[in-house]
């Protein structure tokens, strides 16, 4: 299956570079690009991509607002692509909010080519959180600066089984399904079943939002080794 991608970035060279790198892959088709969030929404709604590479900081409309609008479309618009945020810095004020808005993950702009390609494939498949160590650091930083009320999160946490809570903790540590299965000595399909139940119970879009929830609920403490 070919992965359809739209690249949204205000720097022409960045857009062209990413598009060229991705188009060189046999399983990826770059179907459009845009220089700001507003036009990115228009292009995405007309081309129906599987993944949108979205820069965080852009003129006219930033990546955060564009992500919100793409993933909470108006009535009559049913297409919701996966969003992969692009950022220049490993700590960015917008990233925590972007994950809340529904972004599936993020990638540093200076990441190696192989990591960019793999990121698109991972996001399209919805299998794993990108760059887990960097993601953890970002979310830890954001939760320090922007503490959130934990009462509602804790109430939802109480609805999980002990094994589901254990799986959630391992997801927050950045482990893949395969690694979780090895850690718990269970079949990978069993982990996938737990993941499906976690997503449903916590009303989460993907693993990225599960990580956010893990921090909000207090199951993972910012700055403390997990």
Protein backbone atom coordinates (compact mmCIF):
# COMPACT_ATOMS: atom_id res chain seq x y z
CA UNK A 1 0.00 0.00 0.00
CA UNK A 2 1.33 3.43 -0.94
CA UNK A 3 1.49 6.02 1.84
CA UNK A 4 0.18 9.41 0.74
CA UNK A 5 2.03 12.35 2.30
CA UNK A 6 1.62 16.14 2.42
CA UNK A 7 4.54 18.34 3.56
CA UNK A 8 3.70 21.62 5.33
CA UNK A 9 6.63 23.95 6.07
CA UNK A 10 7.26 27.65 5.47
CA UNK A 11 10.79 27.02 4.17
CA UNK A 12 10.79 26.15 0.48
CA UNK A 13 14.06 24.22 0.65
CA UNK A 14 12.81 22.12 3.55
CA UNK A 15 9.58 21.26 1.74
CA UNK A 16 11.41 20.38 -1.46
CA UNK A 17 14.05 18.38 0.37
CA UNK A 18 11.58 16.31 2.36
CA UNK A 19 9.40 15.77 -0.69
CA UNK A 20 12.37 14.55 -2.76
CA UNK A 21 13.59 12.21 -0.02
CA UNK A 22 10.18 10.70 0.54
CA UNK A 23 9.23 10.45 -3.13
CA UNK A 24 12.34 8.36 -3.70
CA UNK A 25 10.73 5.60 -1.63
CA UNK A 26 8.69 3.04 -3.55
CA UNK A 27 5.95 2.95 -0.91
CA UNK A 28 5.57 6.72 -0.37
CA UNK A 29 3.85 9.26 -2.61
CA UNK A 30 4.08 13.00 -1.81
CA UNK A 31 0.71 14.30 -3.01
CA UNK A 32 1.08 17.96 -2.03
CA UNK A 33 2.85 20.64 -0.02
CA UNK A 34 2.06 24.02 1.54
CA UNK A 35 3.96 26.98 3.13
CA UNK A 36 1.64 27.50 6.12
CA UNK A 37 -0.97 25.77 8.21
CA UNK A 38 -3.98 27.34 6.51
CA UNK A 39 -2.93 26.21 3.05
CA UNK A 40 -1.81 22.91 4.53
CA UNK A 41 -5.38 22.25 5.65
CA UNK A 42 -6.69 23.08 2.17
CA UNK A 43 -4.17 20.82 0.45
CA UNK A 44 -4.79 17.98 2.91
CA UNK A 45 -8.55 18.12 2.51
CA UNK A 46 -8.25 18.02 -1.28
CA UNK A 47 -5.62 15.27 -1.50
CA UNK A 48 -6.58 13.04 1.48
CA UNK A 49 -3.07 12.10 2.66
CA UNK A 50 -2.35 9.34 5.15
CA UNK A 51 0.33 11.44 6.87
CA UNK A 52 0.91 15.20 7.10
CA UNK A 53 4.41 16.40 7.97
CA UNK A 54 3.59 19.59 9.86
CA UNK A 55 6.11 22.26 10.86
CA UNK A 56 5.43 23.69 14.32
CA UNK A 57 6.21 27.36 13.68
CA UNK A 58 4.85 29.00 10.54
CA UNK A 59 3.34 32.37 9.54
CA UNK A 60 -0.42 32.94 9.11
CA UNK A 61 -1.33 29.70 10.92
CA UNK A 62 1.08 27.62 12.98
CA UNK A 63 1.26 23.86 13.03
CA UNK A 64 -0.59 23.53 16.30
CA UNK A 65 -3.75 25.29 15.09
CA UNK A 66 -3.57 23.51 11.75
CA UNK A 67 -3.33 20.16 13.53
CA UNK A 68 -6.35 20.98 15.68
CA UNK A 69 -8.41 21.84 12.63
CA UNK A 70 -7.28 18.83 10.63
CA UNK A 71 -8.08 16.40 13.43
CA UNK A 72 -11.33 18.08 14.51
CA UNK A 73 -12.82 18.92 11.11
CA UNK A 74 -16.18 20.62 10.58
CA UNK A 75 -19.33 18.58 9.91
CA UNK A 76 -19.22 16.86 6.55
CA UNK A 77 -15.44 16.44 6.53
CA UNK A 78 -14.56 12.88 7.50
CA UNK A 79 -10.91 12.55 6.52
CA UNK A 80 -8.45 12.74 9.44
CA UNK A 81 -4.82 12.16 8.48
CA UNK A 82 -2.08 11.24 10.92
CA UNK A 83 0.05 14.29 11.79
CA UNK A 84 3.80 14.14 12.30
CA UNK A 85 5.10 17.38 13.79
CA UNK A 86 8.44 18.76 12.60
CA UNK A 87 10.55 20.87 14.93
CA UNK A 88 14.02 22.42 14.88
CA UNK A 89 14.56 22.08 18.62
CA UNK A 90 14.36 19.02 20.85
CA UNK A 91 12.42 21.09 23.41
CA UNK A 92 9.62 23.09 21.85
CA UNK A 93 6.83 24.89 23.68
CA UNK A 94 4.27 23.70 21.15
CA UNK A 95 4.94 19.98 21.14
CA UNK A 96 3.06 19.00 24.29
CA UNK A 97 0.03 20.95 23.09
CA UNK A 98 0.41 19.40 19.64
CA UNK A 99 0.18 15.92 21.11
CA UNK A 100 -2.95 17.04 22.96
CA UNK A 101 -4.34 18.32 19.67
CA UNK A 102 -3.99 14.83 18.24
CA UNK A 103 -0.57 14.75 16.58
CA UNK A 104 0.77 11.22 16.44
CA UNK A 105 4.35 12.18 17.17
CA UNK A 106 7.16 14.48 16.16
CA UNK A 107 10.53 14.45 14.48
CA UNK A 108 13.52 16.76 14.59
CA UNK A 109 14.22 18.40 11.23
CA UNK A 110 17.86 17.34 11.35
CA UNK A 111 17.01 13.67 11.83
CA UNK A 112 18.76 11.23 9.48
CA UNK A 113 16.98 10.38 6.21
CA UNK A 114 16.34 6.81 7.30
CA UNK A 115 14.66 8.08 10.47
CA UNK A 116 12.39 10.41 8.49
CA UNK A 117 11.30 7.62 6.17
CA UNK A 118 10.76 5.21 9.05
CA UNK A 119 8.82 7.88 10.95
CA UNK A 120 6.36 8.28 8.10
CA UNK A 121 5.87 4.53 7.86
CA UNK A 122 5.42 4.16 11.61
CA UNK A 123 2.91 7.00 11.81
CA UNK A 124 0.97 5.67 8.82
CA UNK A 125 0.75 2.25 10.44
CA UNK A 126 -0.11 3.69 13.86
CA UNK A 127 2.23 1.16 15.44
CA UNK A 128 4.69 3.04 17.60
CA UNK A 129 5.66 6.35 19.11
CA UNK A 130 8.49 8.14 17.34
CA UNK A 131 11.88 8.77 18.92
CA UNK A 132 10.65 7.63 22.35
CA UNK A 133 13.61 8.97 24.33
CA UNK A 134 13.23 12.45 22.84
CA UNK A 135 9.46 12.28 23.15
CA UNK A 136 9.76 11.46 26.84
CA UNK A 137 12.12 14.38 27.41
CA UNK A 138 9.79 16.76 25.63
CA UNK A 139 6.70 15.67 27.50
CA UNK A 140 8.53 15.78 30.81
CA UNK A 141 9.60 19.35 30.09
CA UNK A 142 6.09 20.39 29.07
CA UNK A 143 4.46 18.85 32.13
CA UNK A 144 6.88 20.75 34.35
CA UNK A 145 6.02 24.04 32.68
CA UNK A 146 2.33 23.37 32.14
CA UNK A 147 1.02 21.18 34.98
CA UNK A 148 -2.41 19.71 34.29
CA UNK A 149 -5.19 18.70 36.69
CA UNK A 150 -4.88 14.99 37.35
CA UNK A 151 -8.22 14.17 38.93
CA UNK A 152 -10.06 13.18 35.75
CA UNK A 153 -7.00 11.32 34.46
CA UNK A 154 -6.76 9.37 37.70
CA UNK A 155 -10.43 8.46 37.54
CA UNK A 156 -9.91 7.00 34.06
CA UNK A 157 -6.79 5.22 35.27
CA UNK A 158 -8.92 3.45 37.89
CA UNK A 159 -10.91 1.88 35.05
CA UNK A 160 -7.89 -0.06 33.80
CA UNK A 161 -6.95 -3.59 34.79
CA UNK A 162 -3.56 -4.12 36.49
CA UNK A 163 -2.15 -5.59 33.26
CA UNK A 164 -3.46 -2.69 31.19
CA UNK A 165 -1.85 -0.26 33.62
CA UNK A 166 1.41 -2.18 33.31
CA UNK A 167 1.25 -2.00 29.51
CA UNK A 168 0.51 1.73 29.69
CA UNK A 169 3.61 2.29 31.82
CA UNK A 170 5.77 0.41 29.31
CA UNK A 171 4.29 2.42 26.44
CA UNK A 172 5.22 5.59 28.33
CA UNK A 173 8.77 4.26 28.62
CA UNK A 174 8.90 4.14 24.83
CA UNK A 175 8.79 0.36 24.36
CA UNK A 176 7.40 -1.10 21.16
CA UNK A 177 4.78 -3.88 21.14
CA UNK A 178 7.53 -6.43 20.52
CA UNK A 179 9.57 -5.15 23.45
CA UNK A 180 6.53 -5.09 25.73
CA UNK A 181 5.71 -8.68 24.79
CA UNK A 182 9.26 -9.75 25.65
CA UNK A 183 9.18 -7.84 28.96
CA UNK A 184 5.85 -9.38 30.01
CA UNK A 185 6.58 -12.80 28.47
CA UNK A 186 3.38 -12.83 26.43
CA UNK A 187 2.54 -13.05 22.73
CA UNK A 188 2.74 -9.83 20.73
CA UNK A 189 -0.90 -10.31 19.72
CA UNK A 190 -1.80 -10.20 23.42
CA UNK A 191 -0.05 -6.84 23.71
CA UNK A 192 -1.95 -5.58 20.67
CA UNK A 193 -5.20 -6.61 22.36
CA UNK A 194 -4.23 -4.69 25.52
CA UNK A 195 -3.30 -1.69 23.36
CA UNK A 196 -6.70 -1.72 21.64
CA UNK A 197 -8.45 -1.80 25.02
CA UNK A 198 -6.28 1.04 26.35
CA UNK A 199 -7.03 3.23 23.33
CA UNK A 200 -10.76 2.55 23.70
CA UNK A 201 -10.95 3.01 27.47
CA UNK A 202 -8.88 6.19 27.48
CA UNK A 203 -10.43 7.57 24.30
CA UNK A 204 -6.92 7.99 22.88
CA UNK A 205 -6.11 8.35 19.20
CA UNK A 206 -2.75 6.57 19.31
CA UNK A 207 0.33 5.80 21.39
CA UNK A 208 1.37 9.42 21.57
CA UNK A 209 -1.82 10.32 23.42
CA UNK A 210 -1.36 7.31 25.70
CA UNK A 211 2.02 8.75 26.72
CA UNK A 212 0.43 12.13 27.43
CA UNK A 213 -2.22 10.41 29.56
CA UNK A 214 0.45 8.47 31.45
CA UNK A 215 2.05 11.76 32.53
CA UNK A 216 -1.26 13.43 33.32
CA UNK A 217 -2.43 10.55 35.48
CA UNK A 218 0.80 10.54 37.46
CA UNK A 219 1.72 6.97 36.50
CA UNK A 220 4.91 8.51 35.11
CA UNK A 221 6.56 11.36 37.03
CA UNK A 222 8.46 14.03 35.05
CA UNK A 223 12.18 13.85 35.67
CA UNK A 224 11.99 10.49 37.40
CA UNK A 225 13.46 7.43 35.73
CA UNK A 226 10.73 5.07 34.56
